[in-house]
Amino acid sequence: MPAPTSLNKVSAAPAARQLLAEIIADHGPVLFHQSGGCCDGSSPMCYARSEFLIGDHDVLLGEIDGTPFYIGAANYEVWKNSDLIIDVVPGRGGMFSLDNGREKRFLTRSTVCAAS
């Protein structure tokens, strides 16, 4: 498993923390993986920890209430100077994400931070 980054580069809005708590209550421990584009745009995808394999090229950005948040290495290179803020908006979650079917979905917002 990849080593954690030294800084927590991800945070969550209160609505995202609430939705995350609901999902954990229904499914047990989960993790986030930031989507790279394709079918679900750039949505943060939420999966049961036991059903998603973290790859050698995934980077741990931090945690939200004890839930790990990963991003692929190629996307990390693009977003490494940003802090990600996970929020919730009305709509459908990603096809395989656990927020799907709840009429609200996770959304990634970002702020540029100092280059490291």
PDB file of N, CA and C in Angstrom:
ATOM      1  N   MET A   1       0.856  -1.174   0.000  1.00  0.00           N
ATOM      2  CA  MET A   1       0.000   0.000   0.000  1.00  0.00           C
ATOM      3  C   MET A   1       0.900   1.234   0.000  1.00  0.00           C
ATOM      4  N   PRO A   2       0.523   2.282  -0.740  1.00  0.00           N
ATOM      5  CA  PRO A   2       1.347   3.487  -0.804  1.00  0.00           C
ATOM      6  C   PRO A   2       1.481   4.158   0.556  1.00  0.00           C
ATOM      7  N   ALA A   3       2.612   4.817   0.749  1.00  0.00           N
ATOM      8  CA  ALA A   3       2.830   5.555   1.993  1.00  0.00           C
ATOM      9  C   ALA A   3       1.942   6.789   2.015  1.00  0.00           C
ATOM     10  N   PRO A   4       1.440   7.176   3.186  1.00  0.00           N
ATOM     11  CA  PRO A   4       0.609   8.379   3.268  1.00  0.00           C
ATOM     12  C   PRO A   4       1.435   9.630   2.967  1.00  0.00           C
ATOM     13  N   THR A   5       0.774  10.641   2.464  1.00  0.00           N
ATOM     14  CA  THR A   5       1.430  11.918   2.258  1.00  0.00           C
ATOM     15  C   THR A   5       1.653  12.557   3.627  1.00  0.00           C
ATOM     16  N   SER A   6       2.594  13.503   3.699  1.00  0.00           N
ATOM     17  CA  SER A   6       2.901  14.116   4.986  1.00  0.00           C
ATOM     18  C   SER A   6       1.827  15.105   5.428  1.00  0.00           C
ATOM     19  N   LEU A   7       1.062  15.635   4.488  1.00  0.00           N
ATOM     20  CA  LEU A   7       0.004  16.588   4.816  1.00  0.00           C
ATOM     21  C   LEU A   7      -1.349  16.006   4.437  1.00  0.00           C
ATOM     22  N   ASN A   8      -2.365  16.353   5.210  1.00  0.00           N
ATOM     23  CA  ASN A   8      -3.711  15.956   4.830  1.00  0.00           C
ATOM     24  C   ASN A   8      -4.198  16.969   3.797  1.00  0.00           C
ATOM     25  N   LYS A   9      -4.299  16.545   2.544  1.00  0.00           N
ATOM     26  CA  LYS A   9      -4.663  17.443   1.452  1.00  0.00           C
ATOM     27  C   LYS A   9      -6.128  17.311   1.074  1.00  0.00           C
ATOM     28  N   VAL A  10      -6.921  16.742   1.958  1.00  0.00           N
ATOM     29  CA  VAL A  10      -8.346  16.583   1.685  1.00  0.00           C
ATOM     30  C   VAL A  10      -9.134  16.912   2.950  1.00  0.00           C
ATOM     31  N   SER A  11     -10.246  17.617   2.757  1.00  0.00           N
ATOM     32  CA  SER A  11     -11.157  17.924   3.860  1.00  0.00           C
ATOM     33  C   SER A  11     -12.579  17.738   3.339  1.00  0.00           C
ATOM     34  N   ALA A  12     -13.556  17.908   4.209  1.00  0.00           N
ATOM     35  CA  ALA A  12     -14.944  17.675   3.806  1.00  0.00           C
ATOM     36  C   ALA A  12     -15.872  18.710   4.405  1.00  0.00           C
ATOM     37  N   ALA A  13     -16.847  19.101   3.616  1.00  0.00           N
ATOM     38  CA  ALA A  13     -17.920  19.971   4.084  1.00  0.00           C
ATOM     39  C   ALA A  13     -18.816  19.163   5.028  1.00  0.00           C
ATOM     40  N   PRO A  14     -19.551  19.829   5.915  1.00  0.00           N
ATOM     41  CA  PRO A  14     -20.442  19.101   6.831  1.00  0.00           C
ATOM     42  C   PRO A  14     -21.410  18.152   6.115  1.00  0.00           C
ATOM     43  N   ALA A  15     -21.966  18.558   4.982  1.00  0.00           N
ATOM     44  CA  ALA A  15     -22.902  17.682   4.257  1.00  0.00           C
ATOM     45  C   ALA A  15     -22.200  16.413   3.771  1.00  0.00           C
ATOM     46  N   ALA A  16     -20.943  16.525   3.371  1.00  0.00           N
ATOM     47  CA  ALA A  16     -20.194  15.347   2.922  1.00  0.00           C
ATOM     48  C   ALA A  16     -19.901  14.415   4.093  1.00  0.00           C
ATOM     49  N   ARG A  17     -19.579  14.993   5.231  1.00  0.00           N
ATOM     50  CA  ARG A  17     -19.329  14.168   6.422  1.00  0.00           C
ATOM     51  C   ARG A  17     -20.600  13.431   6.832  1.00  0.00           C
ATOM     52  N   GLN A  18     -21.750  14.085   6.707  1.00  0.00           N
ATOM     53  CA  GLN A  18     -23.032  13.453   7.044  1.00  0.00           C
ATOM     54  C   GLN A  18     -23.341  12.301   6.088  1.00  0.00           C
ATOM     55  N   LEU A  19     -23.173  12.543   4.786  1.00  0.00           N
ATOM     56  CA  LEU A  19     -23.424  11.482   3.804  1.00  0.00           C
ATOM     57  C   LEU A  19     -22.455  10.331   4.008  1.00  0.00           C
ATOM     58  N   LEU A  20     -21.197  10.632   4.285  1.00  0.00           N
ATOM     59  CA  LEU A  20     -20.214   9.581   4.557  1.00  0.00           C
ATOM     60  C   LEU A  20     -20.648   8.740   5.752  1.00  0.00           C
ATOM     61  N   ALA A  21     -21.120   9.374   6.817  1.00  0.00           N
ATOM     62  CA  ALA A  21     -21.589   8.643   8.005  1.00  0.00           C
ATOM     63  C   ALA A  21     -22.765   7.732   7.663  1.00  0.00           C
ATOM     64  N   GLU A  22     -23.688   8.196   6.827  1.00  0.00           N
ATOM     65  CA  GLU A  22     -24.828   7.377   6.404  1.00  0.00           C
ATOM     66  C   GLU A  22     -24.352   6.153   5.623  1.00  0.00           C
ATOM     67  N   ILE A  23     -23.405   6.359   4.729  1.00  0.00           N
ATOM     68  CA  ILE A  23     -22.889   5.258   3.913  1.00  0.00           C
ATOM     69  C   ILE A  23     -22.159   4.241   4.782  1.00  0.00           C
ATOM     70  N   ILE A  24     -21.354   4.713   5.725  1.00  0.00           N
ATOM     71  CA  ILE A  24     -20.645   3.798   6.626  1.00  0.00           C
ATOM     72  C   ILE A  24     -21.642   3.008   7.470  1.00  0.00           C
ATOM     73  N   ALA A  25     -22.717   3.656   7.921  1.00  0.00           N
ATOM     74  CA  ALA A  25     -23.743   2.950   8.701  1.00  0.00           C
ATOM     75  C   ALA A  25     -24.373   1.827   7.886  1.00  0.00           C
ATOM     76  N   ASP A  26     -24.517   2.031   6.581  1.00  0.00           N
ATOM     77  CA  ASP A  26     -25.125   1.017   5.706  1.00  0.00           C
ATOM     78  C   ASP A  26     -24.146  -0.042   5.228  1.00  0.00           C
ATOM     79  N   HIS A  27     -22.871   0.334   5.027  1.00  0.00           N
ATOM     80  CA  HIS A  27     -21.919  -0.560   4.345  1.00  0.00           C
ATOM     81  C   HIS A  27     -20.670  -0.914   5.140  1.00  0.00           C
ATOM     82  N   GLY A  28     -20.471  -0.323   6.297  1.00  0.00           N
ATOM     83  CA  GLY A  28     -19.235  -0.559   7.042  1.00  0.00           C
ATOM     84  C   GLY A  28     -18.120   0.329   6.502  1.00  0.00           C
ATOM     85  N   PRO A  29     -16.856   0.003   6.843  1.00  0.00           N
ATOM     86  CA  PRO A  29     -15.727   0.850   6.451  1.00  0.00           C
ATOM     87  C   PRO A  29     -15.633   1.034   4.933  1.00  0.00           C
ATOM     88  N   VAL A  30     -15.355   2.266   4.529  1.00  0.00           N
ATOM     89  CA  VAL A  30     -15.257   2.601   3.109  1.00  0.00           C
ATOM     90  C   VAL A  30     -13.956   3.363   2.863  1.00  0.00           C
ATOM     91  N   LEU A  31     -13.693   3.624   1.595  1.00  0.00           N
ATOM     92  CA  LEU A  31     -12.587   4.481   1.194  1.00  0.00           C
ATOM     93  C   LEU A  31     -13.041   5.308   0.010  1.00  0.00           C
ATOM     94  N   PHE A  32     -12.332   6.402  -0.230  1.00  0.00           N
ATOM     95  CA  PHE A  32     -12.565   7.225  -1.411  1.00  0.00           C
ATOM     96  C   PHE A  32     -11.423   7.022  -2.387  1.00  0.00           C
ATOM     97  N   HIS A  33     -11.759   7.084  -3.666  1.00  0.00           N
ATOM     98  CA  HIS A  33     -10.745   7.144  -4.713  1.00  0.00           C
ATOM     99  C   HIS A  33     -11.205   8.210  -5.694  1.00  0.00           C
ATOM    100  N   GLN A  34     -10.348   9.205  -5.906  1.00  0.00           N
ATOM    101  CA  GLN A  34     -10.693  10.296  -6.815  1.00  0.00           C
ATOM    102  C   GLN A  34     -10.666   9.789  -8.244  1.00  0.00           C
ATOM    103  N   SER A  35     -11.796   9.892  -8.913  1.00  0.00           N
ATOM    104  CA  SER A  35     -11.925   9.462 -10.300  1.00  0.00           C
ATOM    105  C   SER A  35     -11.043  10.315 -11.193  1.00  0.00           C
ATOM    106  N   GLY A  36     -10.591   9.716 -12.283  1.00  0.00           N
ATOM    107  CA  GLY A  36      -9.710  10.426 -13.192  1.00  0.00           C
ATOM    108  C   GLY A  36     -10.393  11.031 -14.386  1.00  0.00           C
ATOM    109  N   GLY A  37     -11.676  10.946 -14.489  1.00  0.00           N
ATOM    110  CA  GLY A  37     -12.354  11.510 -15.648  1.00  0.00           C
ATOM    111  C   GLY A  37     -13.356  10.519 -16.186  1.00  0.00           C
ATOM    112  N   CYS A  38     -13.153  10.011 -17.342  1.00  0.00           N
ATOM    113  CA  CYS A  38     -13.971   8.991 -17.995  1.00  0.00           C
ATOM    114  C   CYS A  38     -15.467   9.171 -17.728  1.00  0.00           C
ATOM    115  N   CYS A  39     -16.126   8.103 -17.378  1.00  0.00           N
ATOM    116  CA  CYS A  39     -17.587   8.057 -17.303  1.00  0.00           C
ATOM    117  C   CYS A  39     -18.186   8.941 -16.212  1.00  0.00           C
ATOM    118  N   ASP A  40     -17.560   9.006 -15.071  1.00  0.00           N
ATOM    119  CA  ASP A  40     -18.128   9.743 -13.950  1.00  0.00           C
ATOM    120  C   ASP A  40     -17.423  11.073 -13.709  1.00  0.00           C
ATOM    121  N   GLY A  41     -16.814  11.631 -14.736  1.00  0.00           N
ATOM    122  CA  GLY A  41     -16.166  12.931 -14.604  1.00  0.00           C
ATOM    123  C   GLY A  41     -15.022  12.873 -13.611  1.00  0.00           C
ATOM    124  N   SER A  42     -14.978  13.807 -12.717  1.00  0.00           N
ATOM    125  CA  SER A  42     -13.918  13.812 -11.706  1.00  0.00           C
ATOM    126  C   SER A  42     -14.538  13.689 -10.314  1.00  0.00           C
ATOM    127  N   SER A  43     -15.455  12.784 -10.189  1.00  0.00           N
ATOM    128  CA  SER A  43     -16.146  12.578  -8.921  1.00  0.00           C
ATOM    129  C   SER A  43     -15.295  11.763  -7.962  1.00  0.00           C
ATOM    130  N   PRO A  44     -15.382  12.060  -6.665  1.00  0.00           N
ATOM    131  CA  PRO A  44     -14.758  11.173  -5.695  1.00  0.00           C
ATOM    132  C   PRO A  44     -15.649   9.939  -5.549  1.00  0.00           C
ATOM    133  N   MET A  45     -15.093   8.797  -5.801  1.00  0.00           N
ATOM    134  CA  MET A  45     -15.859   7.551  -5.741  1.00  0.00           C
ATOM    135  C   MET A  45     -15.696   6.925  -4.362  1.00  0.00           C
ATOM    136  N   CYS A  46     -16.775   6.405  -3.813  1.00  0.00           N
ATOM    137  CA  CYS A  46     -16.787   5.817  -2.476  1.00  0.00           C
ATOM    138  C   CYS A  46     -17.060   4.320  -2.606  1.00  0.00           C
ATOM    139  N   TYR A  47     -16.153   3.510  -2.056  1.00  0.00           N
ATOM    140  CA  TYR A  47     -16.254   2.053  -2.172  1.00  0.00           C
ATOM    141  C   TYR A  47     -16.091   1.400  -0.800  1.00  0.00           C
ATOM    142  N   ALA A  48     -16.675   0.216  -0.645  1.00  0.00           N
ATOM    143  CA  ALA A  48     -16.414  -0.588   0.549  1.00  0.00           C
ATOM    144  C   ALA A  48     -14.923  -0.938   0.551  1.00  0.00           C
ATOM    145  N   ARG A  49     -14.268  -0.787   1.683  1.00  0.00           N
ATOM    146  CA  ARG A  49     -12.818  -1.059   1.748  1.00  0.00           C
ATOM    147  C   ARG A  49     -12.490  -2.474   1.319  1.00  0.00           C
ATOM    148  N   SER A  50     -13.354  -3.405   1.629  1.00  0.00           N
ATOM    149  CA  SER A  50     -13.082  -4.808   1.302  1.00  0.00           C
ATOM    150  C   SER A  50     -13.271  -5.111  -0.180  1.00  0.00           C
ATOM    151  N   GLU A  51     -13.818  -4.168  -0.958  1.00  0.00           N
ATOM    152  CA  GLU A  51     -14.127  -4.434  -2.366  1.00  0.00           C
ATOM    153  C   GLU A  51     -13.308  -3.607  -3.343  1.00  0.00           C
ATOM    154  N   PHE A  52     -12.337  -2.835  -2.859  1.00  0.00           N
ATOM    155  CA  PHE A  52     -11.537  -2.014  -3.759  1.00  0.00           C
ATOM    156  C   PHE A  52     -10.069  -2.229  -3.444  1.00  0.00           C
ATOM    157  N   LEU A  53      -9.301  -2.605  -4.451  1.00  0.00           N
ATOM    158  CA  LEU A  53      -7.875  -2.819  -4.266  1.00  0.00           C
ATOM    159  C   LEU A  53      -7.110  -1.545  -4.594  1.00  0.00           C
ATOM    160  N   ILE A  54      -6.332  -1.088  -3.645  1.00  0.00           N
ATOM    161  CA  ILE A  54      -5.474   0.070  -3.859  1.00  0.00           C
ATOM    162  C   ILE A  54      -4.259  -0.400  -4.650  1.00  0.00           C
ATOM    163  N   GLY A  55      -3.930   0.350  -5.715  1.00  0.00           N
ATOM    164  CA  GLY A  55      -2.804  -0.027  -6.553  1.00  0.00           C
ATOM    165  C   GLY A  55      -1.499   0.597  -6.097  1.00  0.00           C
ATOM    166  N   ASP A  56      -0.404   0.097  -6.647  1.00  0.00           N
ATOM    167  CA  ASP A  56       0.927   0.602  -6.316  1.00  0.00           C
ATOM    168  C   ASP A  56       1.101   2.066  -6.702  1.00  0.00           C
ATOM    169  N   HIS A  57       0.299   2.557  -7.623  1.00  0.00           N
ATOM    170  CA  HIS A  57       0.437   3.925  -8.100  1.00  0.00           C
ATOM    171  C   HIS A  57      -0.626   4.866  -7.523  1.00  0.00           C
ATOM    172  N   ASP A  58      -1.383   4.393  -6.548  1.00  0.00           N
ATOM    173  CA  ASP A  58      -2.353   5.248  -5.880  1.00  0.00           C
ATOM    174  C   ASP A  58      -1.661   5.986  -4.732  1.00  0.00           C
ATOM    175  N   VAL A  59      -2.056   7.234  -4.514  1.00  0.00           N
ATOM    176  CA  VAL A  59      -1.451   8.081  -3.492  1.00  0.00           C
ATOM    177  C   VAL A  59      -2.507   8.396  -2.438  1.00  0.00           C
ATOM    178  N   LEU A  60      -2.170   8.197  -1.181  1.00  0.00           N
ATOM    179  CA  LEU A  60      -3.063   8.536  -0.081  1.00  0.00           C
ATOM    180  C   LEU A  60      -2.940  10.037   0.193  1.00  0.00           C
ATOM    181  N   LEU A  61      -4.033  10.779  -0.044  1.00  0.00           N
ATOM    182  CA  LEU A  61      -4.017  12.228   0.179  1.00  0.00           C
ATOM    183  C   LEU A  61      -4.306  12.600   1.626  1.00  0.00           C
ATOM    184  N   GLY A  62      -4.999  11.727   2.329  1.00  0.00           N
ATOM    185  CA  GLY A  62      -5.370  11.999   3.710  1.00  0.00           C
ATOM    186  C   GLY A  62      -6.597  11.203   4.088  1.00  0.00           C
ATOM    187  N   GLU A  63      -7.273  11.666   5.121  1.00  0.00           N
ATOM    188  CA  GLU A  63      -8.465  10.981   5.616  1.00  0.00           C
ATOM    189  C   GLU A  63      -9.564  11.983   5.921  1.00  0.00           C
ATOM    190  N   ILE A  64     -10.786  11.498   5.812  1.00  0.00           N
ATOM    191  CA  ILE A  64     -11.969  12.245   6.235  1.00  0.00           C
ATOM    192  C   ILE A  64     -12.644  11.397   7.300  1.00  0.00           C
ATOM    193  N   ASP A  65     -12.637  11.871   8.511  1.00  0.00           N
ATOM    194  CA  ASP A  65     -13.238  11.122   9.633  1.00  0.00           C
ATOM    195  C   ASP A  65     -12.780   9.671   9.658  1.00  0.00           C
ATOM    196  N   GLY A  66     -11.489   9.451   9.459  1.00  0.00           N
ATOM    197  CA  GLY A  66     -10.931   8.097   9.499  1.00  0.00           C
ATOM    198  C   GLY A  66     -11.065   7.318   8.209  1.00  0.00           C
ATOM    199  N   THR A  67     -11.673   7.912   7.196  1.00  0.00           N
ATOM    200  CA  THR A  67     -11.854   7.252   5.901  1.00  0.00           C
ATOM    201  C   THR A  67     -10.737   7.691   4.951  1.00  0.00           C
ATOM    202  N   PRO A  68      -9.913   6.745   4.474  1.00  0.00           N
ATOM    203  CA  PRO A  68      -8.809   7.118   3.583  1.00  0.00           C
ATOM    204  C   PRO A  68      -9.303   7.639   2.241  1.00  0.00           C
ATOM    205  N   PHE A  69      -8.536   8.582   1.691  1.00  0.00           N
ATOM    206  CA  PHE A  69      -8.862   9.205   0.412  1.00  0.00           C
ATOM    207  C   PHE A  69      -7.642   9.086  -0.502  1.00  0.00           C
ATOM    208  N   TYR A  70      -7.801   8.349  -1.607  1.00  0.00           N
ATOM    209  CA  TYR A  70      -6.720   8.074  -2.554  1.00  0.00           C
ATOM    210  C   TYR A  70      -6.959   8.765  -3.890  1.00  0.00           C
ATOM    211  N   ILE A  71      -5.863   8.935  -4.621  1.00  0.00           N
ATOM    212  CA  ILE A  71      -5.906   9.447  -5.985  1.00  0.00           C
ATOM    213  C   ILE A  71      -4.819   8.717  -6.774  1.00  0.00           C
ATOM    214  N   GLY A  72      -5.066   8.463  -8.042  1.00  0.00           N
ATOM    215  CA  GLY A  72      -4.064   7.825  -8.890  1.00  0.00           C
ATOM    216  C   GLY A  72      -2.858   8.738  -9.073  1.00  0.00           C
ATOM    217  N   ALA A  73      -1.672   8.153  -9.266  1.00  0.00           N
ATOM    218  CA  ALA A  73      -0.434   8.919  -9.370  1.00  0.00           C
ATOM    219  C   ALA A  73      -0.474   9.950 -10.494  1.00  0.00           C
ATOM    220  N   ALA A  74      -1.026   9.617 -11.645  1.00  0.00           N
ATOM    221  CA  ALA A  74      -1.079  10.563 -12.761  1.00  0.00           C
ATOM    222  C   ALA A  74      -1.941  11.768 -12.397  1.00  0.00           C
ATOM    223  N   ASN A  75      -3.069  11.529 -11.746  1.00  0.00           N
ATOM    224  CA  ASN A  75      -3.927  12.637 -11.312  1.00  0.00           C
ATOM    225  C   ASN A  75      -3.282  13.412 -10.174  1.00  0.00           C
ATOM    226  N   TYR A  76      -2.543  12.732  -9.327  1.00  0.00           N
ATOM    227  CA  TYR A  76      -1.857  13.419  -8.240  1.00  0.00           C
ATOM    228  C   TYR A  76      -0.883  14.459  -8.801  1.00  0.00           C
ATOM    229  N   GLU A  77      -0.183  14.094  -9.868  1.00  0.00           N
ATOM    230  CA  GLU A  77       0.760  15.039 -10.478  1.00  0.00           C
ATOM    231  C   GLU A  77       0.051  16.312 -10.944  1.00  0.00           C
ATOM    232  N   VAL A  78      -1.161  16.174 -11.432  1.00  0.00           N
ATOM    233  CA  VAL A  78      -1.936  17.333 -11.885  1.00  0.00           C
ATOM    234  C   VAL A  78      -2.453  18.143 -10.697  1.00  0.00           C
ATOM    235  N   TRP A  79      -2.883  17.479  -9.636  1.00  0.00           N
ATOM    236  CA  TRP A  79      -3.566  18.132  -8.514  1.00  0.00           C
ATOM    237  C   TRP A  79      -2.683  18.301  -7.276  1.00  0.00           C
ATOM    238  N   LYS A  80      -1.394  17.989  -7.354  1.00  0.00           N
ATOM    239  CA  LYS A  80      -0.560  17.973  -6.155  1.00  0.00           C
ATOM    240  C   LYS A  80      -0.435  19.330  -5.468  1.00  0.00           C
ATOM    241  N   ASN A  81      -0.687  20.406  -6.172  1.00  0.00           N
ATOM    242  CA  ASN A  81      -0.625  21.734  -5.561  1.00  0.00           C
ATOM    243  C   ASN A  81      -2.002  22.259  -5.187  1.00  0.00           C
ATOM    244  N   SER A  82      -2.954  21.354  -5.044  1.00  0.00           N
ATOM    245  CA  SER A  82      -4.320  21.718  -4.662  1.00  0.00           C
ATOM    246  C   SER A  82      -4.710  20.980  -3.391  1.00  0.00           C
ATOM    247  N   ASP A  83      -5.557  21.616  -2.616  1.00  0.00           N
ATOM    248  CA  ASP A  83      -6.212  20.933  -1.507  1.00  0.00           C
ATOM    249  C   ASP A  83      -7.616  20.605  -1.982  1.00  0.00           C
ATOM    250  N   LEU A  84      -8.058  19.384  -1.741  1.00  0.00           N
ATOM    251  CA  LEU A  84      -9.387  18.961  -2.182  1.00  0.00           C
ATOM    252  C   LEU A  84     -10.383  19.107  -1.044  1.00  0.00           C
ATOM    253  N   ILE A  85     -11.544  19.619  -1.377  1.00  0.00           N
ATOM    254  CA  ILE A  85     -12.641  19.763  -0.427  1.00  0.00           C
ATOM    255  C   ILE A  85     -13.803  18.937  -0.968  1.00  0.00           C
ATOM    256  N   ILE A  86     -14.215  17.938  -0.219  1.00  0.00           N
ATOM    257  CA  ILE A  86     -15.299  17.062  -0.658  1.00  0.00           C
ATOM    258  C   ILE A  86     -16.610  17.654  -0.152  1.00  0.00           C
ATOM    259  N   ASP A  87     -17.549  17.785  -1.076  1.00  0.00           N
ATOM    260  CA  ASP A  87     -18.843  18.384  -0.766  1.00  0.00           C
ATOM    261  C   ASP A  87     -19.936  17.457  -1.294  1.00  0.00           C
ATOM    262  N   VAL A  88     -21.178  17.854  -1.136  1.00  0.00           N
ATOM    263  CA  VAL A  88     -22.323  17.082  -1.618  1.00  0.00           C
ATOM    264  C   VAL A  88     -23.227  18.024  -2.408  1.00  0.00           C
ATOM    265  N   VAL A  89     -23.734  17.518  -3.533  1.00  0.00           N
ATOM    266  CA  VAL A  89     -24.687  18.254  -4.353  1.00  0.00           C
ATOM    267  C   VAL A  89     -25.824  17.302  -4.728  1.00  0.00           C
ATOM    268  N   PRO A  90     -26.978  17.829  -5.121  1.00  0.00           N
ATOM    269  CA  PRO A  90     -28.064  16.957  -5.579  1.00  0.00           C
ATOM    270  C   PRO A  90     -27.639  16.214  -6.846  1.00  0.00           C
ATOM    271  N   GLY A  91     -28.123  15.003  -7.000  1.00  0.00           N
ATOM    272  CA  GLY A  91     -27.840  14.227  -8.205  1.00  0.00           C
ATOM    273  C   GLY A  91     -27.518  12.786  -7.890  1.00  0.00           C
ATOM    274  N   ARG A  92     -27.093  12.069  -8.929  1.00  0.00           N
ATOM    275  CA  ARG A  92     -26.747  10.661  -8.799  1.00  0.00           C
ATOM    276  C   ARG A  92     -25.251  10.501  -8.672  1.00  0.00           C
ATOM    277  N   GLY A  93     -24.842   9.601  -7.793  1.00  0.00           N
ATOM    278  CA  GLY A  93     -23.428   9.296  -7.628  1.00  0.00           C
ATOM    279  C   GLY A  93     -22.910   8.494  -8.799  1.00  0.00           C
ATOM    280  N   GLY A  94     -21.598   8.270  -8.799  1.00  0.00           N
ATOM    281  CA  GLY A  94     -20.972   7.466  -9.846  1.00  0.00           C
ATOM    282  C   GLY A  94     -21.569   6.074  -9.897  1.00  0.00           C
ATOM    283  N   MET A  95     -21.503   5.463 -11.052  1.00  0.00           N
ATOM    284  CA  MET A  95     -22.168   4.182 -11.287  1.00  0.00           C
ATOM    285  C   MET A  95     -21.863   3.141 -10.212  1.00  0.00           C
ATOM    286  N   PHE A  96     -20.617   3.036  -9.772  1.00  0.00           N
ATOM    287  CA  PHE A  96     -20.245   2.021  -8.796  1.00  0.00           C
ATOM    288  C   PHE A  96     -19.983   2.594  -7.404  1.00  0.00           C
ATOM    289  N   SER A  97     -20.146   3.899  -7.267  1.00  0.00           N
ATOM    290  CA  SER A  97     -19.893   4.554  -5.990  1.00  0.00           C
ATOM    291  C   SER A  97     -21.079   4.347  -5.046  1.00  0.00           C
ATOM    292  N   LEU A  98     -20.784   4.225  -3.760  1.00  0.00           N
ATOM    293  CA  LEU A  98     -21.835   3.951  -2.781  1.00  0.00           C
ATOM    294  C   LEU A  98     -22.764   5.131  -2.527  1.00  0.00           C
ATOM    295  N   ASP A  99     -22.460   6.307  -3.072  1.00  0.00           N
ATOM    296  CA  ASP A  99     -23.408   7.421  -2.956  1.00  0.00           C
ATOM    297  C   ASP A  99     -24.495   7.343  -4.018  1.00  0.00           C
ATOM    298  N   ASN A 100     -24.361   6.467  -4.986  1.00  0.00           N
ATOM    299  CA  ASN A 100     -25.352   6.309  -6.050  1.00  0.00           C
ATOM    300  C   ASN A 100     -26.685   5.844  -5.464  1.00  0.00           C
ATOM    301  N   GLY A 101     -27.777   6.411  -5.974  1.00  0.00           N
ATOM    302  CA  GLY A 101     -29.116   6.014  -5.539  1.00  0.00           C
ATOM    303  C   GLY A 101     -29.612   6.761  -4.311  1.00  0.00           C
ATOM    304  N   ARG A 102     -28.888   7.756  -3.845  1.00  0.00           N
ATOM    305  CA  ARG A 102     -29.275   8.501  -2.651  1.00  0.00           C
ATOM    306  C   ARG A 102     -29.789   9.903  -2.992  1.00  0.00           C
ATOM    307  N   GLU A 103     -29.868  10.211  -4.283  1.00  0.00           N
ATOM    308  CA  GLU A 103     -30.329  11.511  -4.776  1.00  0.00           C
ATOM    309  C   GLU A 103     -29.431  12.671  -4.344  1.00  0.00           C
ATOM    310  N   LYS A 104     -28.220  12.344  -3.926  1.00  0.00           N
ATOM    311  CA  LYS A 104     -27.169  13.322  -3.669  1.00  0.00           C
ATOM    312  C   LYS A 104     -25.861  12.603  -3.923  1.00  0.00           C
ATOM    313  N   ARG A 105     -24.849  13.388  -4.266  1.00  0.00           N
ATOM    314  CA  ARG A 105     -23.584  12.768  -4.619  1.00  0.00           C
ATOM    315  C   ARG A 105     -22.424  13.606  -4.109  1.00  0.00           C
ATOM    316  N   PHE A 106     -21.286  12.939  -3.955  1.00  0.00           N
ATOM    317  CA  PHE A 106     -20.071  13.650  -3.570  1.00  0.00           C
ATOM    318  C   PHE A 106     -19.550  14.441  -4.761  1.00  0.00           C
ATOM    319  N   LEU A 107     -18.908  15.562  -4.472  1.00  0.00           N
ATOM    320  CA  LEU A 107     -18.313  16.423  -5.478  1.00  0.00           C
ATOM    321  C   LEU A 107     -16.990  16.934  -4.927  1.00  0.00           C
ATOM    322  N   THR A 108     -15.973  16.990  -5.790  1.00  0.00           N
ATOM    323  CA  THR A 108     -14.673  17.525  -5.375  1.00  0.00           C
ATOM    324  C   THR A 108     -14.543  18.979  -5.790  1.00  0.00           C
ATOM    325  N   ARG A 109     -14.230  19.809  -4.831  1.00  0.00           N
ATOM    326  CA  ARG A 109     -13.868  21.198  -5.096  1.00  0.00           C
ATOM    327  C   ARG A 109     -12.389  21.302  -4.742  1.00  0.00           C
ATOM    328  N   SER A 110     -11.712  22.329  -5.242  1.00  0.00           N
ATOM    329  CA  SER A 110     -10.292  22.435  -4.918  1.00  0.00           C
ATOM    330  C   SER A 110      -9.873  23.875  -4.706  1.00  0.00           C
ATOM    331  N   THR A 111      -8.818  24.017  -3.943  1.00  0.00           N
ATOM    332  CA  THR A 111      -8.174  25.312  -3.762  1.00  0.00           C
ATOM    333  C   THR A 111      -6.685  25.107  -4.036  1.00  0.00           C
ATOM    334  N   VAL A 112      -6.061  26.072  -4.659  1.00  0.00           N
ATOM    335  CA  VAL A 112      -4.633  25.985  -4.939  1.00  0.00           C
ATOM    336  C   VAL A 112      -3.893  26.325  -3.652  1.00  0.00           C
ATOM    337  N   CYS A 113      -2.891  25.515  -3.332  1.00  0.00           N
ATOM    338  CA  CYS A 113      -2.089  25.762  -2.133  1.00  0.00           C
ATOM    339  C   CYS A 113      -0.650  26.038  -2.544  1.00  0.00           C
ATOM    340  N   ALA A 114       0.163  26.371  -1.605  1.00  0.00           N
ATOM    341  CA  ALA A 114       1.568  26.656  -1.886  1.00  0.00           C
ATOM    342  C   ALA A 114       2.250  25.425  -2.447  1.00  0.00           C
ATOM    343  N   ALA A 115       3.057  25.598  -3.461  1.00  0.00           N
ATOM    344  CA  ALA A 115       3.797  24.482  -4.062  1.00  0.00           C
ATOM    345  C   ALA A 115       4.788  23.938  -3.045  1.00  0.00           C
ATOM    346  N   SER A 116       4.928  22.607  -3.046  1.00  0.00           N
ATOM    347  CA  SER A 116       5.860  22.000  -2.095  1.00  0.00           C
ATOM    348  C   SER A 116       7.120  21.539  -2.771  1.00  0.00           C
TER     349      SER A 116
END
